[in-house]
Each structure stands twice: as structure tokens, then as C-alpha cells.
């Protein structure tokens, strides 16, 4: 049977301000996690989940994303001529992702906010549901997060949000769902999201993290938000607001995702993701573990501290 969802949007127009100055010249989506730029992890997840149409919504200064996925026959030919077959194969395989996912690029237009790129892309999608994944999230799971969301949509035919259990003390970092009913297998009926509540006010012990199945009804809510914005020129267009407006009268679900989530949108979490992927690598992991032991014994100073005095 054909997949119930074949389209996806990756909003990649943000400034990456939390990672400045690192992102001054390099898009945050192109920062490496392991041996791949972070956006490649997202594209691979979508392709592995059967998505055949990926729209990456970009802004100025993001041409490196296109360059990364674009075929480069001259480079491949040079690598093969030099006997570097494995490198040539790796370059070709990245370009093949673009073909499999039929990646297209769209410049973002409209009011500021994370709902605008979704609305921009939806103009080409008709009445089809679509996945929305942020490009600074990486999931490691037996079944890709996107696949888990698609399965939840197939069971409900309603909008679905990716959820993870959270430490109650972290509630002010996330949108927290209001849970109406637990339907087993990690599927929850929800009636909305509370943005960054205090721990005492959190309506559940789950956090909404980067992943959505968006249906045409939510796109209609984004259109209405945008219409009101053009009347008053105030505020931003948020996907959460559209989901809450839709959930006020219609069913929305959350799917608790099985797997490990790495957020790369701020320096500390980015370093955690880097370390986790490096430690899991069969070649790099032993080297890093040895370095950690040596640093713990004080054998080697950290870079940039060799000449400091106290």
C-alpha cells in the first residue's frame, strides 16, 4: 500500500542565534553531529520512513544546505581517479538522498514565527497531511521518529505531536500537552499545549518535542493567524497557536516517541549530541574514551589553556 503521508517540511530559515558566533557564517543546520551535518540526519530519517517529497524552507545565507545535497560529478570523478572509492561512494550517497526524498527548496516569506515556513510549504501540498520536523533535532531509535508519527496518524487520521516524558523541573523549557485520554501504546488524546509552564502548573509529565503530523485543518488555522497578523502587524505566527485553536473543537493526539532525542539548538545540548555520536562510533569512540581518562588524570591540558597561569 502507498504511504499515508508522503510529504514533509523542514523549516531551516532560522538565524541560529543561540549558537553565535559559530553560526555567523555556517548555517546551524550544517553543523556536524557525528560525521554528518545535523540536517542530513533529519533527511535520512524522512527517507527511511517512506517520505518522497521533502521541502526545505530556507532564508538568505543557507546555500550550503543546497550545496551539500546537490550532486557533484566532478568531485566524484576526481576521487575515483585518485583511488578514493569509499569517499566517492559517500558523496554520491548523499546526493542520492536528494533524489529519493525529492528535495526542493523554498524561500521563506511572511511574518516571523515557526508557523510561517509550514504555511509557505503547504501551498504546494493541497489537502494532504504532512510531517514537520525541525532540522536541529536528532533521534536515535529502532523505528525512526517520523515512522512512529506516521503510524499514529494511520491509527487516528488526526494531527499528531511527538512527545517525550520529561523531568517536571524542565517544564519551563517546553510546550506541555493537556492529556485527555491514554489510549495505550504511547498514544494520547490531547486537548492543547501549555507553553513553558511552571512545574506546579504543568498539565502533564510530557514535553512536545520536534515532530508533527499536520493536517489541512491546522493549515487553515495558520492562514487565519496570518490574516489577523496582516491586520494588526503584531506578534508572531506560531504552530503551537494553530494546534491549540484546532484542538479547541477537534481531535489532536500525541505519540510518545520511543528512542533517544538530541537537541542541537544550544551550545550545551549540541556538545552532548556531538559527544554521544562520537562515543558510539567504532573508530572514534575508543579514542575519546582514552582522552577522557587522560584529561581526568590531568595528563593533558584542554586546548587554549596551556599557557594560562594562576
Protein backbone atom coordinates (compact mmCIF):
# COMPACT_ATOMS: atom_id res chain seq x y z
CA UNK A 1 0.00 0.00 0.00
CA UNK A 2 1.23 3.56 -0.67
CA UNK A 3 2.26 5.55 2.42
CA UNK A 4 -0.46 7.63 4.06
CA UNK A 5 1.98 10.55 4.34
CA UNK A 6 4.49 11.23 1.60
CA UNK A 7 5.33 14.91 2.13
CA UNK A 8 7.44 16.63 4.78
CA UNK A 9 8.61 20.13 5.63
CA UNK A 10 11.91 21.04 7.27
CA UNK A 11 11.89 24.70 8.41
CA UNK A 12 15.50 25.85 8.04
CA UNK A 13 15.20 29.63 7.88
CA UNK A 14 16.21 30.43 11.46
CA UNK A 15 19.24 32.51 12.42
CA UNK A 16 20.75 30.06 14.88
CA UNK A 17 21.26 32.95 17.29
CA UNK A 18 21.74 30.70 20.34
CA UNK A 19 24.85 29.26 18.69
CA UNK A 20 26.51 32.54 17.66
CA UNK A 21 29.26 33.25 16.73
CA UNK A 22 29.55 29.65 15.47
CA UNK A 23 26.57 30.21 13.16
CA UNK A 24 27.65 33.62 11.87
CA UNK A 25 28.84 32.12 8.56
CA UNK A 26 27.73 28.49 8.85
CA UNK A 27 24.01 27.63 8.96
CA UNK A 28 23.18 25.81 12.18
CA UNK A 29 21.65 23.06 10.07
CA UNK A 30 25.11 22.33 8.61
CA UNK A 31 26.92 21.91 11.92
CA UNK A 32 28.20 18.35 12.22
CA UNK A 33 26.76 15.75 14.54
CA UNK A 34 28.98 12.73 14.20
CA UNK A 35 30.15 12.57 10.61
CA UNK A 36 27.06 14.22 9.11
CA UNK A 37 25.56 17.73 9.22
CA UNK A 38 22.57 17.78 11.51
CA UNK A 39 20.04 18.37 8.71
CA UNK A 40 21.25 15.22 6.96
CA UNK A 41 20.15 13.19 9.98
CA UNK A 42 16.65 14.64 9.53
CA UNK A 43 16.59 13.96 5.79
CA UNK A 44 17.76 10.39 6.33
CA UNK A 45 15.03 9.85 8.91
CA UNK A 46 12.37 11.03 6.48
CA UNK A 47 13.65 8.95 3.56
CA UNK A 48 13.86 5.88 5.80
CA UNK A 49 10.21 6.49 6.76
CA UNK A 50 8.97 6.46 3.16
CA UNK A 51 8.72 10.23 2.60
CA UNK A 52 9.13 11.02 -1.10
CA UNK A 53 8.66 14.82 -1.17
CA UNK A 54 10.74 16.96 1.20
CA UNK A 55 10.52 20.75 1.18
CA UNK A 56 13.29 22.60 2.99
CA UNK A 57 12.23 26.19 3.73
CA UNK A 58 15.28 28.44 3.78
CA UNK A 59 16.34 32.07 4.09
CA UNK A 60 19.35 34.01 2.86
CA UNK A 61 22.74 32.56 3.68
CA UNK A 62 21.61 28.94 3.57
CA UNK A 63 23.11 27.94 0.22
CA UNK A 64 25.43 25.46 1.93
CA UNK A 65 22.40 23.23 2.54
CA UNK A 66 21.68 23.03 -1.19
CA UNK A 67 25.36 22.53 -1.94
CA UNK A 68 25.57 19.61 0.47
CA UNK A 69 22.76 17.61 -1.13
CA UNK A 70 23.48 18.66 -4.73
CA UNK A 71 25.22 16.06 -6.97
CA UNK A 72 28.89 16.82 -7.63
CA UNK A 73 30.03 14.60 -10.54
CA UNK A 74 33.37 16.39 -10.90
CA UNK A 75 34.30 15.71 -7.28
CA UNK A 76 33.22 12.08 -7.57
CA UNK A 77 35.24 11.63 -10.76
CA UNK A 78 38.34 13.14 -9.13
CA UNK A 79 38.00 10.94 -6.05
CA UNK A 80 37.65 7.80 -8.15
CA UNK A 81 40.64 8.80 -10.29
CA UNK A 82 42.65 9.15 -7.08
CA UNK A 83 41.57 5.71 -5.92
CA UNK A 84 39.43 7.13 -3.08
CA UNK A 85 36.45 4.93 -3.85
CA UNK A 86 34.90 5.00 -0.37
CA UNK A 87 34.87 8.82 -0.33
CA UNK A 88 33.38 8.92 -3.84
CA UNK A 89 30.65 6.49 -2.79
CA UNK A 90 29.86 8.61 0.29
CA UNK A 91 29.50 11.79 -1.80
CA UNK A 92 27.23 10.01 -4.28
CA UNK A 93 25.13 8.55 -1.49
CA UNK A 94 24.36 11.99 -0.05
CA UNK A 95 23.22 13.18 -3.50
CA UNK A 96 21.07 10.05 -3.77
CA UNK A 97 19.21 11.18 -0.64
CA UNK A 98 18.15 14.29 -2.55
CA UNK A 99 16.76 12.14 -5.35
CA UNK A 100 14.99 9.67 -3.04
CA UNK A 101 13.48 12.44 -0.95
CA UNK A 102 12.86 14.67 -3.99
CA UNK A 103 14.22 17.62 -2.01
CA UNK A 104 13.04 21.04 -3.11
CA UNK A 105 13.88 24.41 -1.57
CA UNK A 106 11.56 27.29 -0.82
CA UNK A 107 12.43 30.79 0.36
CA UNK A 108 10.51 31.82 3.46
CA UNK A 109 8.09 34.74 3.05
CA UNK A 110 5.75 36.21 5.63
CA UNK A 111 5.62 37.17 9.31
CA UNK A 112 8.22 35.92 11.76
CA UNK A 113 7.43 32.67 13.58
CA UNK A 114 7.74 28.93 13.16
CA UNK A 115 4.30 28.60 11.61
CA UNK A 116 5.22 30.67 8.55
CA UNK A 117 7.52 28.12 6.84
CA UNK A 118 4.87 25.44 7.33
CA UNK A 119 2.27 27.64 5.67
CA UNK A 120 4.69 28.54 2.86
CA UNK A 121 5.25 24.87 2.03
CA UNK A 122 1.61 23.88 2.42
CA UNK A 123 0.61 25.98 -0.59
CA UNK A 124 2.07 23.22 -2.76
CA UNK A 125 0.60 20.30 -0.81
CA UNK A 126 -3.13 20.60 -1.46
CA UNK A 127 -5.20 18.70 1.10
CA UNK A 128 -2.51 16.16 2.01
CA UNK A 129 -1.27 15.68 5.56
CA UNK A 130 2.43 16.34 6.06
CA UNK A 131 5.22 15.82 8.53
CA UNK A 132 7.05 18.78 10.04
CA UNK A 133 10.46 18.10 11.60
CA UNK A 134 12.89 20.70 12.90
CA UNK A 135 16.42 20.45 11.49
CA UNK A 136 18.21 20.77 14.83
CA UNK A 137 16.73 17.61 16.40
CA UNK A 138 18.32 14.19 16.05
CA UNK A 139 16.60 10.99 17.13
CA UNK A 140 18.25 7.62 17.58
CA UNK A 141 15.57 4.94 17.57
CA UNK A 142 14.91 1.43 16.29
CA UNK A 143 11.95 2.80 14.34
CA UNK A 144 12.50 6.38 13.10
CA UNK A 145 10.53 9.05 14.91
CA UNK A 146 8.87 10.02 11.62
CA UNK A 147 7.71 6.45 11.14
CA UNK A 148 6.26 6.38 14.66
CA UNK A 149 4.34 9.58 13.93
CA UNK A 150 3.02 8.19 10.64
CA UNK A 151 1.76 5.06 12.42
CA UNK A 152 -0.06 7.23 14.95
CA UNK A 153 -1.66 9.19 12.12
CA UNK A 154 -2.74 5.96 10.41
CA UNK A 155 -4.47 4.94 13.63
CA UNK A 156 -6.24 8.28 14.15
CA UNK A 157 -6.29 10.28 10.87
CA UNK A 158 -5.83 13.35 13.04
CA UNK A 159 -2.94 15.71 13.82
CA UNK A 160 -0.19 14.10 15.91
CA UNK A 161 2.55 15.63 18.07
CA UNK A 162 5.77 13.89 19.09
CA UNK A 163 6.03 13.66 22.88
CA UNK A 164 8.68 12.55 25.36
CA UNK A 165 8.47 12.04 29.11
CA UNK A 166 10.09 14.97 30.90
CA UNK A 167 11.51 15.80 34.28
CA UNK A 168 8.83 18.03 35.89
CA UNK A 169 11.51 20.59 36.71
CA UNK A 170 12.13 21.10 32.98
CA UNK A 171 8.59 22.14 32.12
CA UNK A 172 9.57 25.77 31.51
CA UNK A 173 11.65 24.67 28.51
CA UNK A 174 8.82 23.02 26.57
CA UNK A 175 5.26 23.01 25.39
CA UNK A 176 3.43 20.64 27.73
CA UNK A 177 0.33 18.79 26.46
CA UNK A 178 -3.00 18.68 28.25
CA UNK A 179 -3.78 14.96 28.22
CA UNK A 180 -7.42 13.92 27.96
CA UNK A 181 -7.05 10.17 27.48
CA UNK A 182 -4.34 7.49 27.40
CA UNK A 183 -5.05 5.08 24.54
CA UNK A 184 -2.11 2.72 25.23
CA UNK A 185 0.98 2.07 23.07
CA UNK A 186 2.12 5.62 23.79
CA UNK A 187 -0.85 7.26 22.06
CA UNK A 188 -2.53 10.08 23.99
CA UNK A 189 -5.58 12.18 23.16
CA UNK A 190 -4.68 15.79 23.97
CA UNK A 191 -6.70 18.99 24.10
CA UNK A 192 -3.90 21.52 23.66
CA UNK A 193 -0.47 22.67 24.76
CA UNK A 194 0.64 24.96 27.57
CA UNK A 195 3.83 26.79 26.59
CA UNK A 196 6.63 26.68 29.16
CA UNK A 197 4.53 26.38 32.33
CA UNK A 198 6.00 26.49 35.80
CA UNK A 199 6.46 22.98 37.22
CA UNK A 200 3.50 23.41 39.56
CA UNK A 201 1.30 24.40 36.61
CA UNK A 202 2.41 21.73 34.12
CA UNK A 203 -0.70 19.83 32.94
CA UNK A 204 1.19 16.56 32.31
CA UNK A 205 4.60 14.92 32.58
CA UNK A 206 5.28 15.05 28.83
CA UNK A 207 7.08 17.52 26.58
CA UNK A 208 6.18 18.26 22.96
CA UNK A 209 9.41 17.98 21.00
CA UNK A 210 10.26 18.47 17.34
CA UNK A 211 7.85 16.44 15.29
CA UNK A 212 4.32 16.89 13.97
CA UNK A 213 1.79 15.43 11.58
CA UNK A 214 -0.03 18.49 10.30
CA UNK A 215 -3.43 18.22 8.61
CA UNK A 216 -5.26 20.74 6.38
CA UNK A 217 -7.35 21.96 9.33
CA UNK A 218 -4.24 23.22 11.11
CA UNK A 219 -3.07 24.88 7.90
CA UNK A 220 -6.41 26.72 7.86
CA UNK A 221 -5.69 27.95 11.40
CA UNK A 222 -2.25 29.19 10.29
CA UNK A 223 -3.90 31.06 7.42
CA UNK A 224 -6.28 32.69 9.87
CA UNK A 225 -3.41 33.69 12.17
CA UNK A 226 -1.59 35.22 9.23
CA UNK A 227 -4.69 37.09 8.09
CA UNK A 228 -5.04 38.62 11.56
CA UNK A 229 -1.33 39.46 11.63
CA UNK A 230 -1.64 41.45 8.42
CA UNK A 231 -4.49 43.42 10.01
CA UNK A 232 -2.61 44.28 13.21
CA UNK A 233 1.10 43.63 12.42
CA UNK A 234 1.65 42.31 15.92
CA UNK A 235 3.24 39.16 17.32
CA UNK A 236 4.45 36.04 15.51
CA UNK A 237 2.89 33.08 13.73
CA UNK A 238 3.29 30.04 15.95
CA UNK A 239 2.48 26.47 15.02
CA UNK A 240 1.51 25.81 18.64
CA UNK A 241 -1.18 28.52 18.48
CA UNK A 242 -2.67 26.91 15.37
CA UNK A 243 -2.67 23.48 17.03
CA UNK A 244 -4.36 24.88 20.14
CA UNK A 245 -7.03 26.64 18.04
CA UNK A 246 -7.68 23.42 16.13
CA UNK A 247 -7.74 21.29 19.31
CA UNK A 248 -10.41 23.50 20.86
CA UNK A 249 -13.04 21.69 18.82
CA UNK A 250 -11.36 18.74 17.11
CA UNK A 251 -9.23 15.74 17.99
CA UNK A 252 -5.46 16.02 18.33
CA UNK A 253 -3.15 13.25 19.50
CA UNK A 254 0.31 12.91 20.97
CA UNK A 255 2.61 9.97 20.35
CA UNK A 256 5.23 9.17 22.97
CA UNK A 257 8.34 8.54 20.89
CA UNK A 258 10.47 5.50 21.62
CA UNK A 259 14.13 6.48 21.25
CA UNK A 260 16.77 8.95 22.34
CA UNK A 261 16.41 12.65 21.47
CA UNK A 262 19.33 15.01 20.94
CA UNK A 263 18.64 18.74 20.65
CA UNK A 264 21.44 20.67 18.93
CA UNK A 265 19.92 24.15 19.15
CA UNK A 266 22.04 25.47 22.03
CA UNK A 267 25.75 25.05 22.87
CA UNK A 268 25.45 22.61 25.80
CA UNK A 269 22.99 20.27 24.08
CA UNK A 270 24.95 20.46 20.84
CA UNK A 271 28.10 19.31 22.65
CA UNK A 272 26.15 16.46 24.25
CA UNK A 273 24.92 15.32 20.82
CA UNK A 274 28.42 15.55 19.39
CA UNK A 275 29.89 13.52 22.23
CA UNK A 276 27.16 10.87 22.14
CA UNK A 277 27.57 10.26 18.41
CA UNK A 278 31.34 10.27 18.61
CA UNK A 279 31.39 7.79 21.50
CA UNK A 280 29.08 5.47 19.55
CA UNK A 281 31.41 5.49 16.53
CA UNK A 282 33.52 2.30 16.34
CA UNK A 283 36.69 4.20 15.37
CA UNK A 284 36.28 7.47 17.29
CA UNK A 285 34.72 6.12 20.49
CA UNK A 286 37.84 4.39 21.88
CA UNK A 287 39.97 7.45 21.11
CA UNK A 288 37.62 9.77 23.00
CA UNK A 289 37.31 7.45 25.96
CA UNK A 290 41.09 7.31 26.23
CA UNK A 291 41.29 11.12 26.01
CA UNK A 292 38.65 11.45 28.75
CA UNK A 293 40.71 9.21 31.02
CA UNK A 294 43.86 11.20 30.30
CA UNK A 295 42.15 14.53 30.94
CA UNK A 296 40.72 13.13 34.15
CA UNK A 297 44.26 12.25 35.25
CA UNK A 298 45.47 15.73 34.33
CA UNK A 299 47.92 14.46 31.72
CA UNK A 300 46.88 16.91 29.01
CA UNK A 301 45.54 20.47 29.36
CA UNK A 302 42.46 21.49 27.45
CA UNK A 303 43.14 23.39 24.18
CA UNK A 304 43.75 27.08 24.80
CA UNK A 305 44.75 26.62 28.45
CA UNK A 306 48.36 25.50 28.01
CA UNK A 307 49.88 28.90 28.77
CA UNK A 308 47.47 30.12 31.44
CA UNK A 309 48.85 30.92 34.86
CA UNK A 310 47.21 31.21 38.23
